[in-house]
N, C-alpha and C. Protein backbone atom coordinates (compact mmCIF):
# COMPACT_ATOMS: atom_id res chain seq x y z
N MET A 1 -0.18 -3.60 3.20
CA MET A 1 -1.26 -3.60 4.17
C MET A 1 -0.63 -3.63 5.55
N SER A 2 -1.12 -2.82 6.45
CA SER A 2 -0.54 -2.76 7.79
C SER A 2 -1.24 -3.68 8.78
N ALA A 3 -2.31 -4.33 8.35
CA ALA A 3 -2.99 -5.27 9.24
C ALA A 3 -2.10 -6.50 9.46
N VAL A 4 -2.32 -7.17 10.59
CA VAL A 4 -1.54 -8.35 10.94
C VAL A 4 -2.41 -9.58 10.74
N ILE A 5 -1.84 -10.60 10.11
CA ILE A 5 -2.61 -11.83 9.88
C ILE A 5 -2.94 -12.48 11.21
N SER A 6 -4.19 -12.93 11.36
CA SER A 6 -4.61 -13.52 12.64
C SER A 6 -4.74 -15.04 12.58
N ASN A 7 -4.76 -15.61 11.39
CA ASN A 7 -4.78 -17.07 11.29
C ASN A 7 -3.77 -17.50 10.22
N GLU A 8 -2.56 -17.77 10.66
CA GLU A 8 -1.42 -18.01 9.79
C GLU A 8 -1.66 -19.07 8.72
N THR A 9 -2.40 -20.12 9.05
CA THR A 9 -2.58 -21.21 8.11
C THR A 9 -3.78 -21.02 7.20
N GLY A 10 -4.71 -20.17 7.56
CA GLY A 10 -5.90 -19.97 6.74
C GLY A 10 -6.96 -21.02 7.03
N ASP A 11 -8.19 -20.66 6.87
CA ASP A 11 -9.31 -21.58 7.06
C ASP A 11 -9.75 -22.09 5.70
N ILE A 12 -9.99 -23.38 5.61
CA ILE A 12 -10.44 -23.97 4.36
C ILE A 12 -11.96 -23.85 4.27
N GLU A 13 -12.43 -23.27 3.18
CA GLU A 13 -13.87 -23.18 2.90
C GLU A 13 -14.09 -23.70 1.49
N GLY A 14 -14.51 -24.94 1.39
CA GLY A 14 -14.63 -25.56 0.07
C GLY A 14 -13.26 -25.73 -0.53
N ASP A 15 -13.06 -25.19 -1.71
CA ASP A 15 -11.74 -25.26 -2.35
C ASP A 15 -10.96 -23.95 -2.22
N LEU A 16 -11.43 -23.08 -1.31
CA LEU A 16 -10.76 -21.79 -1.09
C LEU A 16 -10.12 -21.74 0.28
N LYS A 17 -9.07 -20.97 0.40
CA LYS A 17 -8.41 -20.74 1.69
C LYS A 17 -8.71 -19.30 2.10
N LYS A 18 -9.22 -19.12 3.31
CA LYS A 18 -9.64 -17.80 3.78
C LYS A 18 -8.72 -17.36 4.91
N TYR A 19 -8.12 -16.16 4.76
CA TYR A 19 -7.25 -15.61 5.78
C TYR A 19 -7.96 -14.43 6.46
N LYS A 20 -7.64 -14.23 7.74
CA LYS A 20 -8.21 -13.11 8.49
C LYS A 20 -7.08 -12.22 8.97
N PHE A 21 -7.35 -10.91 9.00
CA PHE A 21 -6.36 -9.93 9.42
C PHE A 21 -6.96 -9.04 10.49
N VAL A 22 -6.11 -8.50 11.36
CA VAL A 22 -6.54 -7.60 12.43
C VAL A 22 -5.82 -6.27 12.24
N GLN A 23 -6.58 -5.18 12.24
CA GLN A 23 -6.01 -3.84 12.12
C GLN A 23 -6.30 -3.11 13.44
N LYS A 24 -5.30 -3.03 14.31
CA LYS A 24 -5.48 -2.42 15.62
C LYS A 24 -5.30 -0.91 15.60
N ILE A 25 -4.69 -0.39 14.54
CA ILE A 25 -4.48 1.05 14.43
C ILE A 25 -5.59 1.62 13.55
N PRO A 26 -6.45 2.48 14.09
CA PRO A 26 -7.53 3.03 13.27
C PRO A 26 -6.99 3.88 12.13
N ILE A 27 -7.58 3.71 10.96
CA ILE A 27 -7.21 4.54 9.81
C ILE A 27 -8.48 5.03 9.13
N PRO A 28 -8.44 6.22 8.54
CA PRO A 28 -9.62 6.72 7.83
C PRO A 28 -9.93 5.87 6.61
N SER A 29 -11.18 5.76 6.26
CA SER A 29 -11.58 4.91 5.14
C SER A 29 -10.98 5.38 3.82
N TYR A 30 -10.67 6.66 3.67
CA TYR A 30 -10.11 7.13 2.40
C TYR A 30 -8.67 6.70 2.20
N LEU A 31 -8.04 6.10 3.22
CA LEU A 31 -6.67 5.61 3.08
C LEU A 31 -6.61 4.13 2.70
N ILE A 32 -7.75 3.52 2.45
CA ILE A 32 -7.80 2.11 2.10
C ILE A 32 -7.85 1.97 0.58
N ALA A 33 -7.03 1.08 0.06
CA ALA A 33 -7.04 0.81 -1.38
C ALA A 33 -6.99 -0.70 -1.59
N ILE A 34 -7.73 -1.16 -2.56
CA ILE A 34 -7.70 -2.57 -2.94
C ILE A 34 -7.31 -2.62 -4.40
N ALA A 35 -6.30 -3.42 -4.71
CA ALA A 35 -5.84 -3.55 -6.08
C ALA A 35 -5.79 -5.01 -6.48
N ALA A 36 -6.17 -5.30 -7.69
CA ALA A 36 -6.13 -6.67 -8.20
C ALA A 36 -5.73 -6.60 -9.67
N GLY A 37 -5.06 -7.62 -10.12
CA GLY A 37 -4.68 -7.67 -11.52
C GLY A 37 -3.18 -7.71 -11.71
N ASN A 38 -2.75 -7.34 -12.88
CA ASN A 38 -1.34 -7.36 -13.23
C ASN A 38 -0.71 -6.04 -12.79
N ILE A 39 -0.19 -6.02 -11.55
CA ILE A 39 0.42 -4.79 -11.05
C ILE A 39 1.85 -5.06 -10.60
N VAL A 40 2.66 -4.03 -10.74
CA VAL A 40 4.05 -4.08 -10.30
C VAL A 40 4.34 -2.82 -9.49
N GLY A 41 5.36 -2.89 -8.67
CA GLY A 41 5.70 -1.75 -7.84
C GLY A 41 7.12 -1.27 -8.09
N LYS A 42 7.33 0.01 -7.79
CA LYS A 42 8.66 0.60 -7.88
C LYS A 42 8.82 1.61 -6.76
N ARG A 43 9.88 1.46 -5.97
CA ARG A 43 10.16 2.40 -4.89
C ARG A 43 10.69 3.69 -5.48
N VAL A 44 10.10 4.80 -5.07
CA VAL A 44 10.56 6.11 -5.51
C VAL A 44 11.01 6.96 -4.33
N GLY A 45 11.09 6.36 -3.17
CA GLY A 45 11.53 7.04 -1.96
C GLY A 45 11.62 6.02 -0.84
N PRO A 46 12.15 6.42 0.30
CA PRO A 46 12.32 5.48 1.40
C PRO A 46 10.99 4.96 1.95
N ARG A 47 9.89 5.67 1.73
CA ARG A 47 8.59 5.20 2.21
C ARG A 47 7.49 5.39 1.17
N VAL A 48 7.89 5.50 -0.08
CA VAL A 48 6.93 5.68 -1.17
C VAL A 48 7.18 4.61 -2.23
N THR A 49 6.15 3.85 -2.54
CA THR A 49 6.20 2.86 -3.61
C THR A 49 5.03 3.11 -4.54
N ILE A 50 5.28 3.10 -5.83
CA ILE A 50 4.25 3.29 -6.85
C ILE A 50 3.82 1.92 -7.32
N TRP A 51 2.51 1.69 -7.40
CA TRP A 51 1.95 0.43 -7.88
C TRP A 51 1.07 0.72 -9.09
N THR A 52 1.31 0.01 -10.19
CA THR A 52 0.55 0.23 -11.42
C THR A 52 0.74 -0.95 -12.36
N GLU A 53 0.09 -0.89 -13.49
CA GLU A 53 0.31 -1.89 -14.52
C GLU A 53 1.70 -1.67 -15.11
N PRO A 54 2.36 -2.75 -15.55
CA PRO A 54 3.75 -2.64 -16.01
C PRO A 54 3.98 -1.56 -17.07
N GLU A 55 3.05 -1.40 -18.00
CA GLU A 55 3.27 -0.43 -19.09
C GLU A 55 3.20 1.03 -18.62
N PHE A 56 2.69 1.29 -17.42
CA PHE A 56 2.61 2.66 -16.89
C PHE A 56 3.61 2.92 -15.77
N LEU A 57 4.45 1.95 -15.45
CA LEU A 57 5.32 2.06 -14.28
C LEU A 57 6.28 3.25 -14.34
N GLU A 58 7.03 3.38 -15.40
CA GLU A 58 8.03 4.46 -15.47
C GLU A 58 7.37 5.84 -15.48
N ALA A 59 6.28 6.00 -16.23
CA ALA A 59 5.59 7.29 -16.27
C ALA A 59 5.00 7.62 -14.90
N SER A 60 4.45 6.62 -14.22
CA SER A 60 3.88 6.84 -12.89
C SER A 60 4.96 7.17 -11.87
N ALA A 61 6.08 6.47 -11.94
CA ALA A 61 7.19 6.74 -11.02
C ALA A 61 7.69 8.17 -11.23
N TYR A 62 7.79 8.61 -12.47
CA TYR A 62 8.21 9.98 -12.76
C TYR A 62 7.22 10.98 -12.17
N GLU A 63 5.94 10.71 -12.34
CA GLU A 63 4.89 11.62 -11.88
C GLU A 63 4.91 11.79 -10.35
N PHE A 64 5.28 10.73 -9.63
CA PHE A 64 5.23 10.76 -8.17
C PHE A 64 6.61 10.81 -7.51
N MET A 65 7.67 11.12 -8.27
CA MET A 65 9.02 11.08 -7.71
C MET A 65 9.27 12.14 -6.64
N GLU A 66 8.45 13.17 -6.56
CA GLU A 66 8.62 14.22 -5.54
C GLU A 66 7.77 13.97 -4.30
N THR A 67 7.10 12.85 -4.23
CA THR A 67 6.19 12.57 -3.11
C THR A 67 6.91 12.60 -1.77
N GLU A 68 8.11 12.04 -1.68
CA GLU A 68 8.86 12.04 -0.41
C GLU A 68 9.17 13.47 0.03
N ASP A 69 9.55 14.32 -0.90
CA ASP A 69 9.81 15.72 -0.57
C ASP A 69 8.54 16.41 -0.07
N ASN A 70 7.41 16.10 -0.69
CA ASN A 70 6.13 16.66 -0.25
C ASN A 70 5.77 16.19 1.15
N LEU A 71 6.04 14.92 1.44
CA LEU A 71 5.77 14.40 2.79
C LEU A 71 6.63 15.10 3.82
N LYS A 72 7.90 15.30 3.51
CA LYS A 72 8.80 15.99 4.44
C LYS A 72 8.35 17.42 4.70
N ALA A 73 7.91 18.12 3.64
CA ALA A 73 7.43 19.49 3.80
C ALA A 73 6.18 19.52 4.67
N ALA A 74 5.29 18.58 4.46
CA ALA A 74 4.07 18.52 5.28
C ALA A 74 4.40 18.21 6.73
N GLU A 75 5.38 17.35 6.97
CA GLU A 75 5.76 17.01 8.34
C GLU A 75 6.40 18.19 9.06
N LYS A 76 7.07 19.05 8.34
CA LYS A 76 7.64 20.26 8.98
C LYS A 76 6.53 21.16 9.52
N VAL A 77 5.42 21.18 8.81
CA VAL A 77 4.29 22.03 9.22
C VAL A 77 3.41 21.32 10.25
N LEU A 78 3.11 20.05 10.00
CA LEU A 78 2.12 19.32 10.80
C LEU A 78 2.72 18.36 11.82
N GLY A 79 3.98 18.04 11.71
CA GLY A 79 4.60 17.03 12.57
C GLY A 79 4.53 15.68 11.87
N GLU A 80 5.26 14.73 12.45
CA GLU A 80 5.31 13.39 11.83
C GLU A 80 3.98 12.69 11.94
């Protein structure tokens, strides 16, 4: 997540701790993802990480291993 935490200690609400984040850089809504559960990550490039359930990690990493090359090709056409 690229948002910056705005209350380092968190606010106590009952038996829960609530954190707030600030996102100063606008991003399109289709670039937002929320994941919960048993997930693990694997880096497949200098700026690409695959997140999935452990049993799908290697297959997912294989499927997306060319993502960095695709990003570089797109940047040649569109800019960084």
